[in-house]
Amino acid sequence: MSDDNNNSTPDTGELAQKLNLETGRISWQELQRHFARGVVLVVSRPLDLIEVAIKLTQDDTPQFERWLAEGLLRRALDEDARGWHAADTEFWSVVVAPWVLVQATDVSTSI
């Protein structure tokens, strides 16, 4: 174990492995109730879903502020929901309570 918990590679690796096992596909039909609660975060394609989940777990506010400023991470909007409903979109998702992080599985779907 490392003396510095904030920079512990084994802990981060274990967390990544745990989160990866908790990642799964979710349909728009299943995601709707989370969207209605306002807890869906859209993770843009350039970002790795697991990396974002790790940073959220670690409460890495500066990194989240950068992603938000760059438009790489954002709350899901009503216009997203309309598009997802019309396309019956499927997502990769992982829950980091209270948030549900999603990336569309279809490359043609814009998020």
Protein backbone atom coordinates (compact mmCIF):
# COMPACT_ATOMS: atom_id res chain seq x y z
CA MET A 1 0.00 0.00 0.00
CA SER A 2 1.02 3.55 -0.63
CA ASP A 3 1.48 6.16 2.07
CA ASP A 4 -0.35 8.71 -0.09
CA ASN A 5 -3.94 7.55 -0.64
CA ASN A 6 -4.57 10.26 -3.25
CA ASN A 7 -1.87 8.89 -5.52
CA SER A 8 -2.25 5.17 -4.93
CA THR A 9 -2.00 3.27 -8.18
CA PRO A 10 -3.13 -0.09 -6.73
CA ASP A 11 -6.20 1.52 -5.14
CA THR A 12 -7.07 3.28 -8.39
CA GLY A 13 -6.54 0.02 -10.29
CA GLU A 14 -8.79 -1.85 -7.89
CA LEU A 15 -11.41 0.89 -8.15
CA ALA A 16 -11.21 0.79 -11.96
CA GLN A 17 -11.68 -2.98 -11.90
CA LYS A 18 -14.65 -2.71 -9.52
CA LEU A 19 -16.30 0.03 -11.60
CA ASN A 20 -15.66 -1.86 -14.83
CA LEU A 21 -17.53 -4.85 -13.39
CA GLU A 22 -20.43 -2.53 -12.51
CA THR A 23 -20.59 -1.04 -16.00
CA GLY A 24 -23.33 -2.30 -18.25
CA ARG A 25 -25.69 -1.54 -21.06
CA ILE A 26 -28.90 0.29 -20.34
CA SER A 27 -31.71 1.15 -22.72
CA TRP A 28 -33.38 4.53 -22.91
CA GLN A 29 -36.50 2.90 -21.45
CA GLU A 30 -34.51 1.91 -18.34
CA LEU A 31 -32.67 5.24 -18.17
CA GLN A 32 -35.81 7.41 -18.30
CA ARG A 33 -36.53 7.25 -14.58
CA HIS A 34 -32.98 8.38 -13.76
CA PHE A 35 -33.28 11.20 -16.29
CA ALA A 36 -36.54 12.28 -14.65
CA ARG A 37 -34.68 12.51 -11.30
CA GLY A 38 -32.02 14.73 -12.92
CA VAL A 39 -29.09 12.43 -12.14
CA VAL A 40 -27.86 11.50 -15.63
CA LEU A 41 -24.44 12.81 -16.68
CA VAL A 42 -23.50 12.54 -20.34
CA VAL A 43 -19.86 11.52 -20.89
CA SER A 44 -18.62 12.51 -24.35
CA ARG A 45 -16.80 10.00 -26.55
CA PRO A 46 -13.25 11.28 -26.08
CA LEU A 47 -13.53 10.46 -22.37
CA ASP A 48 -13.30 7.00 -20.86
CA LEU A 49 -16.43 6.19 -18.86
CA ILE A 50 -14.46 4.37 -16.16
CA GLU A 51 -11.94 7.21 -15.81
CA VAL A 52 -14.78 9.68 -15.29
CA ALA A 53 -16.36 7.38 -12.70
CA ILE A 54 -13.03 7.10 -10.87
CA LYS A 55 -12.59 10.88 -10.80
CA LEU A 56 -16.15 11.27 -9.52
CA THR A 57 -15.51 8.71 -6.78
CA GLN A 58 -12.32 10.58 -5.85
CA ASP A 59 -14.21 13.90 -5.82
CA ASP A 60 -11.70 15.40 -8.27
CA THR A 61 -13.43 18.79 -8.61
CA PRO A 62 -10.69 20.49 -10.71
CA GLN A 63 -10.85 17.73 -13.33
CA PHE A 64 -14.66 17.86 -13.43
CA GLU A 65 -14.56 21.63 -13.85
CA ARG A 66 -12.20 21.20 -16.84
CA TRP A 67 -14.43 18.58 -18.45
CA LEU A 68 -17.52 20.73 -17.88
CA ALA A 69 -15.80 23.82 -19.32
CA GLU A 70 -14.68 21.82 -22.37
CA GLY A 71 -18.18 20.40 -22.90
CA LEU A 72 -16.95 16.83 -22.44
CA LEU A 73 -19.22 16.18 -19.47
CA ARG A 74 -22.68 17.60 -18.79
CA ARG A 75 -26.07 16.90 -17.35
CA ALA A 76 -28.52 15.32 -19.76
CA LEU A 77 -30.95 17.81 -21.29
CA ASP A 78 -34.56 17.54 -22.43
CA GLU A 79 -33.38 17.68 -26.05
CA ASP A 80 -31.14 14.66 -25.33
CA ALA A 81 -34.13 12.77 -23.96
CA ARG A 82 -36.21 13.53 -27.06
CA GLY A 83 -33.44 12.31 -29.35
CA TRP A 84 -32.77 9.21 -27.26
CA HIS A 85 -36.46 8.37 -27.20
CA ALA A 86 -36.80 8.78 -30.98
CA ALA A 87 -33.70 6.64 -31.62
CA ASP A 88 -34.37 4.15 -28.78
CA THR A 89 -30.73 4.72 -27.79
CA GLU A 90 -28.72 2.19 -25.82
CA PHE A 91 -25.94 3.32 -23.48
CA TRP A 92 -22.93 2.11 -21.59
CA SER A 93 -23.50 3.21 -18.04
CA VAL A 94 -22.11 3.08 -14.55
CA VAL A 95 -23.65 4.33 -11.33
CA VAL A 96 -21.63 6.45 -8.95
CA ALA A 97 -24.40 7.42 -6.56
CA PRO A 98 -26.27 9.58 -6.93
CA TRP A 99 -25.13 9.97 -10.55
CA VAL A 100 -25.67 7.71 -13.55
CA LEU A 101 -22.88 8.22 -16.10
CA VAL A 102 -23.78 7.34 -19.70
CA GLN A 103 -22.25 7.11 -23.17
CA ALA A 104 -24.33 6.10 -26.16
CA THR A 105 -23.23 2.77 -27.64
CA ASP A 106 -24.18 3.79 -31.18
CA VAL A 107 -21.40 5.87 -32.71
CA SER A 108 -23.89 7.68 -34.90
CA THR A 109 -25.71 8.99 -31.83
CA SER A 110 -24.41 12.39 -30.87
CA ILE A 111 -23.42 12.84 -27.22
